[in-house]
C-alpha atoms as a PDB file:
ATOM      1  CA  MET A   1    -146.415  10.455  32.632  1.00  0.00           C
ATOM      2  CA  THR A   2    -148.191  13.809  32.817  1.00  0.00           C
ATOM      3  CA  CYS A   3    -151.960  14.074  32.532  1.00  0.00           C
ATOM      4  CA  ILE A   4    -154.772  16.628  32.595  1.00  0.00           C
ATOM      5  CA  ILE A   5    -158.486  16.451  33.374  1.00  0.00           C
ATOM      6  CA  ILE A   6    -161.131  18.169  31.269  1.00  0.00           C
ATOM      7  CA  GLU A   7    -164.344  17.697  33.230  1.00  0.00           C
ATOM      8  CA  ASP A   8    -167.079  20.130  34.301  1.00  0.00           C
ATOM      9  CA  GLU A   9    -168.502  18.034  37.163  1.00  0.00           C
ATOM     10  CA  LYS A  10    -166.720  18.327  40.520  1.00  0.00           C
ATOM     11  CA  PRO A  11    -167.508  14.769  41.752  1.00  0.00           C
ATOM     12  CA  ALA A  12    -166.039  13.321  38.554  1.00  0.00           C
ATOM     13  CA  GLN A  13    -162.994  15.593  38.883  1.00  0.00           C
ATOM     14  CA  ASN A  14    -162.426  14.482  42.458  1.00  0.00           C
ATOM     15  CA  LEU A  15    -162.751  10.803  41.564  1.00  0.00           C
ATOM     16  CA  LEU A  16    -160.131  11.133  38.827  1.00  0.00           C
ATOM     17  CA  LYS A  17    -157.801  13.107  41.099  1.00  0.00           C
ATOM     18  CA  ASN A  18    -158.102  10.392  43.728  1.00  0.00           C
ATOM     19  CA  TYR A  19    -157.299   7.621  41.262  1.00  0.00           C
ATOM     20  CA  ILE A  20    -154.410   9.558  39.721  1.00  0.00           C
ATOM     21  CA  SER A  21    -152.890  10.156  43.166  1.00  0.00           C
ATOM     22  CA  LYS A  22    -152.684   6.392  43.716  1.00  0.00           C
ATOM     23  CA  LEU A  23    -150.305   5.945  40.762  1.00  0.00           C
ATOM     24  CA  PRO A  24    -146.763   7.304  41.289  1.00  0.00           C
ATOM     25  CA  ASN A  25    -146.085   7.229  37.543  1.00  0.00           C
ATOM     26  CA  LEU A  26    -148.900   9.728  36.863  1.00  0.00           C
ATOM     27  CA  GLU A  27    -148.556  13.482  37.424  1.00  0.00           C
ATOM     28  CA  LEU A  28    -151.640  15.693  37.227  1.00  0.00           C
ATOM     29  CA  ILE A  29    -150.597  19.052  35.751  1.00  0.00           C
ATOM     30  CA  GLY A  30    -153.976  20.657  35.087  1.00  0.00           C
ATOM     31  CA  THR A  31    -157.722  20.443  35.665  1.00  0.00           C
ATOM     32  CA  PHE A  32    -160.146  22.310  33.398  1.00  0.00           C
ATOM     33  CA  GLN A  33    -163.891  22.925  33.572  1.00  0.00           C
ATOM     34  CA  SER A  34    -164.303  23.234  29.797  1.00  0.00           C
ATOM     35  CA  ALA A  35    -162.627  22.460  26.505  1.00  0.00           C
ATOM     36  CA  LEU A  36    -162.102  26.172  25.897  1.00  0.00           C
ATOM     37  CA  GLU A  37    -159.987  26.425  29.056  1.00  0.00           C
ATOM     38  CA  ALA A  38    -157.949  23.429  27.917  1.00  0.00           C
ATOM     39  CA  HIS A  39    -157.543  25.018  24.487  1.00  0.00           C
ATOM     40  CA  VAL A  40    -155.453  27.772  26.082  1.00  0.00           C
ATOM     41  CA  PHE A  41    -153.314  25.109  27.806  1.00  0.00           C
ATOM     42  CA  PHE A  42    -152.573  23.295  24.534  1.00  0.00           C
ATOM     43  CA  LYS A  43    -151.301  26.496  22.904  1.00  0.00           C
ATOM     44  CA  THR A  44    -148.112  26.316  24.994  1.00  0.00           C
ATOM     45  CA  GLN A  45    -148.062  22.881  26.660  1.00  0.00           C
ATOM     46  CA  THR A  46    -149.038  19.266  26.222  1.00  0.00           C
ATOM     47  CA  ALA A  47    -149.682  16.170  28.332  1.00  0.00           C
ATOM     48  CA  GLY A  48    -149.183  12.441  27.952  1.00  0.00           C
ATOM     49  CA  ILE A  49    -152.792  11.555  28.792  1.00  0.00           C
ATOM     50  CA  VAL A  50    -156.013  13.584  28.681  1.00  0.00           C
ATOM     51  CA  PHE A  51    -159.079  12.511  30.672  1.00  0.00           C
ATOM     52  CA  LEU A  52    -161.847  14.078  28.641  1.00  0.00           C
ATOM     53  CA  ASP A  53    -165.570  14.260  29.302  1.00  0.00           C
ATOM     54  CA  ILE A  54    -167.814  14.227  26.234  1.00  0.00           C
ATOM     55  CA  ASN A  55    -170.581  16.546  27.467  1.00  0.00           C
ATOM     56  CA  LEU A  56    -168.856  19.876  28.056  1.00  0.00           C
ATOM     57  CA  PRO A  57    -169.990  23.517  27.842  1.00  0.00           C
ATOM     58  CA  SER A  58    -169.681  25.292  24.448  1.00  0.00           C
ATOM     59  CA  ILE A  59    -167.979  22.413  22.594  1.00  0.00           C
ATOM     60  CA  SER A  60    -168.173  18.675  23.108  1.00  0.00           C
ATOM     61  CA  GLY A  61    -165.153  16.586  23.983  1.00  0.00           C
ATOM     62  CA  LEU A  62    -165.295  14.732  20.667  1.00  0.00           C
ATOM     63  CA  ASP A  63    -165.336  17.971  18.681  1.00  0.00           C
ATOM     64  CA  PHE A  64    -162.541  19.391  20.831  1.00  0.00           C
ATOM     65  CA  ILE A  65    -160.207  16.489  19.994  1.00  0.00           C
ATOM     66  CA  LYS A  66    -160.389  17.440  16.319  1.00  0.00           C
ATOM     67  CA  THR A  67    -158.999  20.889  17.117  1.00  0.00           C
ATOM     68  CA  ILE A  68    -155.833  19.606  18.846  1.00  0.00           C
ATOM     69  CA  LYS A  69    -152.719  19.390  16.706  1.00  0.00           C
ATOM     70  CA  ASN A  70    -150.838  16.140  17.427  1.00  0.00           C
ATOM     71  CA  PRO A  71    -153.220  15.128  20.242  1.00  0.00           C
ATOM     72  CA  PRO A  72    -151.907  12.922  23.075  1.00  0.00           C
ATOM     73  CA  ALA A  73    -153.536   9.711  24.326  1.00  0.00           C
ATOM     74  CA  ILE A  74    -157.198  10.441  25.108  1.00  0.00           C
ATOM     75  CA  ILE A  75    -159.269   8.556  27.705  1.00  0.00           C
ATOM     76  CA  MET A  76    -162.914   9.531  27.358  1.00  0.00           C
ATOM     77  CA  THR A  77    -165.113   9.736  30.478  1.00  0.00           C
ATOM     78  CA  THR A  78    -168.888   9.983  30.238  1.00  0.00           C
ATOM     79  CA  ALA A  79    -172.153   8.749  31.693  1.00  0.00           C
ATOM     80  CA  TYR A  80    -173.475   7.850  28.225  1.00  0.00           C
ATOM     81  CA  PRO A  81    -172.274   4.490  26.820  1.00  0.00           C
ATOM     82  CA  ASP A  82    -173.950   5.230  23.475  1.00  0.00           C
ATOM     83  CA  TYR A  83    -171.013   7.467  22.524  1.00  0.00           C
ATOM     84  CA  ALA A  84    -168.476   4.630  22.690  1.00  0.00           C
ATOM     85  CA  VAL A  85    -168.716   3.554  19.033  1.00  0.00           C
ATOM     86  CA  SER A  86    -168.394   7.054  17.584  1.00  0.00           C
ATOM     87  CA  SER A  87    -165.568   7.980  19.960  1.00  0.00           C
ATOM     88  CA  PHE A  88    -163.376   5.044  18.932  1.00  0.00           C
ATOM     89  CA  GLU A  89    -163.493   6.265  15.328  1.00  0.00           C
ATOM     90  CA  LEU A  90    -160.897   8.820  16.448  1.00  0.00           C
ATOM     91  CA  GLU A  91    -157.480   7.115  16.556  1.00  0.00           C
ATOM     92  CA  THR A  92    -156.190   9.158  19.504  1.00  0.00           C
ATOM     93  CA  ILE A  93    -158.864   7.763  21.854  1.00  0.00           C
ATOM     94  CA  VAL A  94    -157.318   4.782  23.637  1.00  0.00           C
ATOM     95  CA  ASP A  95    -160.184   3.930  26.008  1.00  0.00           C
ATOM     96  CA  TYR A  96    -163.696   4.880  27.074  1.00  0.00           C
ATOM     97  CA  LEU A  97    -164.692   4.988  30.743  1.00  0.00           C
ATOM     98  CA  VAL A  98    -168.411   4.949  31.559  1.00  0.00           C
ATOM     99  CA  LYS A  99    -169.279   6.682  34.837  1.00  0.00           C
ATOM    100  CA  PRO A 100    -169.266   5.493  37.518  1.00  0.00           C
ATOM    101  CA  PHE A 101    -166.100   3.427  37.034  1.00  0.00           C
ATOM    102  CA  GLY A 102    -163.906   1.724  39.615  1.00  0.00           C
ATOM    103  CA  PHE A 103    -160.169   1.941  40.128  1.00  0.00           C
ATOM    104  CA  ASP A 104    -159.575  -1.404  38.403  1.00  0.00           C
ATOM    105  CA  ARG A 105    -161.216  -0.133  35.210  1.00  0.00           C
ATOM    106  CA  PHE A 106    -159.298   3.141  35.513  1.00  0.00           C
ATOM    107  CA  LEU A 107    -156.008   1.238  35.822  1.00  0.00           C
ATOM    108  CA  LYS A 108    -156.797  -0.805  32.717  1.00  0.00           C
ATOM    109  CA  ALA A 109    -157.290   2.423  30.746  1.00  0.00           C
ATOM    110  CA  ILE A 110    -153.959   3.788  32.003  1.00  0.00           C
ATOM    111  CA  ASN A 111    -152.168   0.629  30.895  1.00  0.00           C
ATOM    112  CA  LYS A 112    -153.656   1.008  27.411  1.00  0.00           C
ATOM    113  CA  ALA A 113    -152.556   4.644  27.227  1.00  0.00           C
ATOM    114  CA  GLU A 114    -149.016   3.777  28.334  1.00  0.00           C
ATOM    115  CA  ASN A 115    -148.735   1.025  25.725  1.00  0.00           C
ATOM    116  CA  VAL A 116    -149.895   3.374  22.968  1.00  0.00           C
ATOM    117  CA  THR A 117    -147.469   6.076  24.114  1.00  0.00           C
ATOM    118  CA  LYS A 118    -144.536   3.641  24.178  1.00  0.00           C
ATOM    119  CA  LYS A 119    -145.286   2.545  20.618  1.00  0.00           C
ATOM    120  CA  GLU A 120    -145.390   6.174  19.463  1.00  0.00           C
ATOM    121  CA  GLU A 121    -142.066   6.879  21.182  1.00  0.00           C
ATOM    122  CA  ILE A 122    -140.492   3.928  19.399  1.00  0.00           C
ATOM    123  CA  LYS A 123    -141.781   5.208  16.052  1.00  0.00           C
ATOM    124  CA  LYS A 124    -140.342   8.663  16.732  1.00  0.00           C
ATOM    125  CA  SER A 125    -137.023   7.152  17.783  1.00  0.00           C
ATOM    126  CA  VAL A 126    -136.775   5.143  14.569  1.00  0.00           C
ATOM    127  CA  ALA A 127    -137.735   8.181  12.499  1.00  0.00           C
ATOM    128  CA  SER A 128    -135.034  10.282  14.184  1.00  0.00           C
ATOM    129  CA  GLU A 129    -132.365   7.718  13.220  1.00  0.00           C
ATOM    130  CA  ASN A 130    -132.194   9.208   9.756  1.00  0.00           C
ATOM    131  CA  SER A 131    -128.450   9.419   9.332  1.00  0.00           C
ATOM    132  CA  ILE A 132    -125.428   7.185   8.812  1.00  0.00           C
ATOM    133  CA  PHE A 133    -121.662   7.611   8.896  1.00  0.00           C
ATOM    134  CA  LEU A 134    -119.767   6.927   5.691  1.00  0.00           C
ATOM    135  CA  ASN A 135    -116.060   6.051   5.783  1.00  0.00           C
ATOM    136  CA  VAL A 136    -114.292   7.725   2.866  1.00  0.00           C
ATOM    137  CA  ASP A 137    -110.477   7.894   2.817  1.00  0.00           C
ATOM    138  CA  LYS A 138    -110.271   7.157   6.562  1.00  0.00           C
ATOM    139  CA  THR A 139    -112.631  10.026   7.342  1.00  0.00           C
ATOM    140  CA  LEU A 140    -116.119   9.498   8.759  1.00  0.00           C
ATOM    141  CA  HIS A 141    -118.727  11.681   7.075  1.00  0.00           C
ATOM    142  CA  LYS A 142    -122.180  12.034   8.627  1.00  0.00           C
ATOM    143  CA  ILE A 143    -124.803  11.573   5.912  1.00  0.00           C
ATOM    144  CA  VAL A 144    -128.389  12.630   6.583  1.00  0.00           C
ATOM    145  CA  LEU A 145    -130.529  10.357   4.419  1.00  0.00           C
ATOM    146  CA  ASP A 146    -133.037  13.118   3.680  1.00  0.00           C
ATOM    147  CA  ASP A 147    -130.185  15.194   2.180  1.00  0.00           C
ATOM    148  CA  ILE A 148    -129.156  12.550  -0.365  1.00  0.00           C
ATOM    149  CA  LEU A 149    -130.043  13.572  -3.919  1.00  0.00           C
ATOM    150  CA  TYR A 150    -128.856  10.439  -5.749  1.00  0.00           C
ATOM    151  CA  LEU A 151    -126.240   7.690  -5.851  1.00  0.00           C
ATOM    152  CA  GLU A 152    -124.273   6.735  -8.957  1.00  0.00           C
ATOM    153  CA  SER A 153    -122.429   3.479  -9.577  1.00  0.00           C
ATOM    154  CA  ASP A 154    -119.417   3.204 -11.884  1.00  0.00           C
ATOM    155  CA  ARG A 155    -117.987  -0.310 -11.832  1.00  0.00           C
ATOM    156  CA  ASN A 156    -116.694  -0.799  -8.270  1.00  0.00           C
ATOM    157  CA  TYR A 157    -117.026   2.834  -7.285  1.00  0.00           C
ATOM    158  CA  MET A 158    -119.977   4.741  -5.887  1.00  0.00           C
ATOM    159  CA  THR A 159    -120.589   8.461  -5.939  1.00  0.00           C
ATOM    160  CA  LEU A 160    -123.007   9.820  -3.358  1.00  0.00           C
ATOM    161  CA  VAL A 161    -124.391  13.273  -4.061  1.00  0.00           C
ATOM    162  CA  THR A 162    -126.149  15.220  -1.315  1.00  0.00           C
ATOM    163  CA  THR A 163    -127.411  18.771  -1.061  1.00  0.00           C
ATOM    164  CA  THR A 164    -124.038  19.822   0.349  1.00  0.00           C
ATOM    165  CA  GLN A 165    -121.343  17.380  -0.801  1.00  0.00           C
ATOM    166  CA  ARG A 166    -120.178  14.761  -3.283  1.00  0.00           C
ATOM    167  CA  LEU A 167    -118.313  11.655  -2.105  1.00  0.00           C
ATOM    168  CA  SER A 168    -116.722   8.834  -4.123  1.00  0.00           C
ATOM    169  CA  TYR A 169    -115.653   5.513  -2.608  1.00  0.00           C
ATOM    170  CA  LEU A 170    -115.502   1.745  -3.140  1.00  0.00           C
ATOM    171  CA  ASP A 171    -118.985   0.227  -2.821  1.00  0.00           C
ATOM    172  CA  SER A 172    -121.853  -1.239  -4.803  1.00  0.00           C
ATOM    173  CA  LEU A 173    -125.326   0.005  -5.624  1.00  0.00           C
ATOM    174  CA  LYS A 174    -126.779  -3.252  -4.271  1.00  0.00           C
ATOM    175  CA  ASN A 175    -125.592  -2.466  -0.744  1.00  0.00           C
ATOM    176  CA  TRP A 176    -127.387   0.876  -0.805  1.00  0.00           C
ATOM    177  CA  ILE A 177    -130.625  -0.529  -2.176  1.00  0.00           C
ATOM    178  CA  GLU A 178    -130.849  -2.734   0.915  1.00  0.00           C
ATOM    179  CA  LYS A 179    -130.114   0.011   3.468  1.00  0.00           C
ATOM    180  CA  LEU A 180    -132.101   2.989   2.107  1.00  0.00           C
ATOM    181  CA  PRO A 181    -135.801   3.543   3.032  1.00  0.00           C
ATOM    182  CA  LYS A 182    -137.871   2.065   0.209  1.00  0.00           C
ATOM    183  CA  GLN A 183    -140.659   4.613   0.616  1.00  0.00           C
ATOM    184  CA  GLN A 184    -138.219   7.406  -0.280  1.00  0.00           C
ATOM    185  CA  PHE A 185    -135.543   5.941  -2.589  1.00  0.00           C
ATOM    186  CA  ILE A 186    -135.822   3.991  -5.822  1.00  0.00           C
ATOM    187  CA  GLN A 187    -133.465   2.621  -8.445  1.00  0.00           C
ATOM    188  CA  ILE A 188    -134.110   4.245 -11.834  1.00  0.00           C
ATOM    189  CA  HIS A 189    -131.200   2.793 -13.820  1.00  0.00           C
ATOM    190  CA  LYS A 190    -128.584   0.063 -13.424  1.00  0.00           C
ATOM    191  CA  SER A 191    -126.264   2.843 -12.249  1.00  0.00           C
ATOM    192  CA  TYR A 192    -128.549   5.205 -10.305  1.00  0.00           C
ATOM    193  CA  ILE A 193    -130.668   5.405  -7.155  1.00  0.00           C
ATOM    194  CA  ILE A 194    -132.582   8.618  -6.511  1.00  0.00           C
ATOM    195  CA  ASN A 195    -134.340  10.328  -3.625  1.00  0.00           C
ATOM    196  CA  THR A 196    -137.884  10.849  -4.914  1.00  0.00           C
ATOM    197  CA  ASN A 197    -138.307  13.913  -2.688  1.00  0.00           C
ATOM    198  CA  TYR A 198    -136.028  15.847  -5.048  1.00  0.00           C
ATOM    199  CA  VAL A 199    -137.634  14.957  -8.377  1.00  0.00           C
ATOM    200  CA  SER A 200    -138.315  18.235 -10.199  1.00  0.00           C
ATOM    201  CA  LYS A 201    -139.413  16.919 -13.598  1.00  0.00           C
ATOM    202  CA  ILE A 202    -139.316  14.009 -16.047  1.00  0.00           C
ATOM    203  CA  SER A 203    -138.663  14.497 -19.746  1.00  0.00           C
ATOM    204  CA  GLY A 204    -138.768  11.397 -21.920  1.00  0.00           C
ATOM    205  CA  ASN A 205    -136.258   8.959 -20.475  1.00  0.00           C
ATOM    206  CA  GLU A 206    -134.536  11.538 -18.310  1.00  0.00           C
ATOM    207  CA  ILE A 207    -135.307  12.665 -14.780  1.00  0.00           C
ATOM    208  CA  TYR A 208    -134.213  15.844 -13.048  1.00  0.00           C
ATOM    209  CA  ILE A 209    -133.144  15.620  -9.404  1.00  0.00           C
ATOM    210  CA  ASN A 210    -133.088  19.294  -8.549  1.00  0.00           C
ATOM    211  CA  THR A 211    -130.826  20.474 -11.390  1.00  0.00           C
ATOM    212  CA  HIS A 212    -129.095  17.121 -11.987  1.00  0.00           C
ATOM    213  CA  ARG A 213    -130.204  15.321 -15.178  1.00  0.00           C
ATOM    214  CA  LEU A 214    -130.100  11.525 -14.948  1.00  0.00           C
ATOM    215  CA  PRO A 215    -131.084   8.716 -17.336  1.00  0.00           C
ATOM    216  CA  ILE A 216    -134.049   6.425 -16.671  1.00  0.00           C
ATOM    217  CA  GLY A 217    -133.486   2.774 -17.551  1.00  0.00           C
ATOM    218  CA  ARG A 218    -136.187   1.216 -19.715  1.00  0.00           C
ATOM    219  CA  THR A 219    -136.817  -1.666 -17.289  1.00  0.00           C
ATOM    220  CA  TYR A 220    -137.088   0.724 -14.306  1.00  0.00           C
ATOM    221  CA  LYS A 221    -139.433   3.342 -15.733  1.00  0.00           C
ATOM    222  CA  ALA A 222    -142.773   1.655 -14.957  1.00  0.00           C
ATOM    223  CA  ASP A 223    -141.870   1.193 -11.277  1.00  0.00           C
ATOM    224  CA  LEU A 224    -140.650   4.782 -11.097  1.00  0.00           C
ATOM    225  CA  LEU A 225    -143.893   6.176 -12.499  1.00  0.00           C
ATOM    226  CA  LYS A 226    -145.917   4.073 -10.069  1.00  0.00           C
ATOM    227  CA  LYS A 227    -143.744   5.301  -7.216  1.00  0.00           C
ATOM    228  CA  LEU A 228    -144.398   8.893  -8.231  1.00  0.00           C
ATOM    229  CA  ARG A 229    -148.119   8.073  -8.654  1.00  0.00           C
ATOM    230  CA  ILE A 230    -148.110   9.133 -12.294  1.00  0.00           C
ATOM    231  CA  ILE A 231    -149.871   5.935 -13.384  1.00  0.00           C
END
């Protein structure tokens, strides 16, 4: 895991460098005297862990965190324990090291950062699995879930409409209700499931998915309006 140090005191820098060198899974890729120097780094690069002092020239470490887009795991380092409560209000801060700290306390902070990073990687991996393969007439079609506009059921047949294609095959609406992300898809009629990201307007008991006009079932309307945060 890569890491950087943002610290204006040389003794503190040297201590962190020494501890980092003891761990083969850590790679130090930058040391900065101020948050402004690190700001230039973050324009083109990133790191897995940032060791960040609170008292820095020009801008404090806590204020600097708020300027980083998608900040990595932050381990705060400071001589002032009073900052601990306010620092943990920021979700990206995984631990708070009060100077002087020993190697055992440093190692504990690293373990926390690694656990947080692993959880984030798992979330990203799950999010990236946003497609399925659909077997229609002995041909496998890759379907990106975000591209689905709506699904229509007609007896034993399903029609899946995406932004680029329309496929009909033997299936049931029930199967799709169970496999589609509930935060994005909702059933609006006994015969229809829609992707709420493509709702363009609602008129009476009809909903427009882009330019497609679909009916809204009476028993489904209340849930639909709640989903769209209309009521």
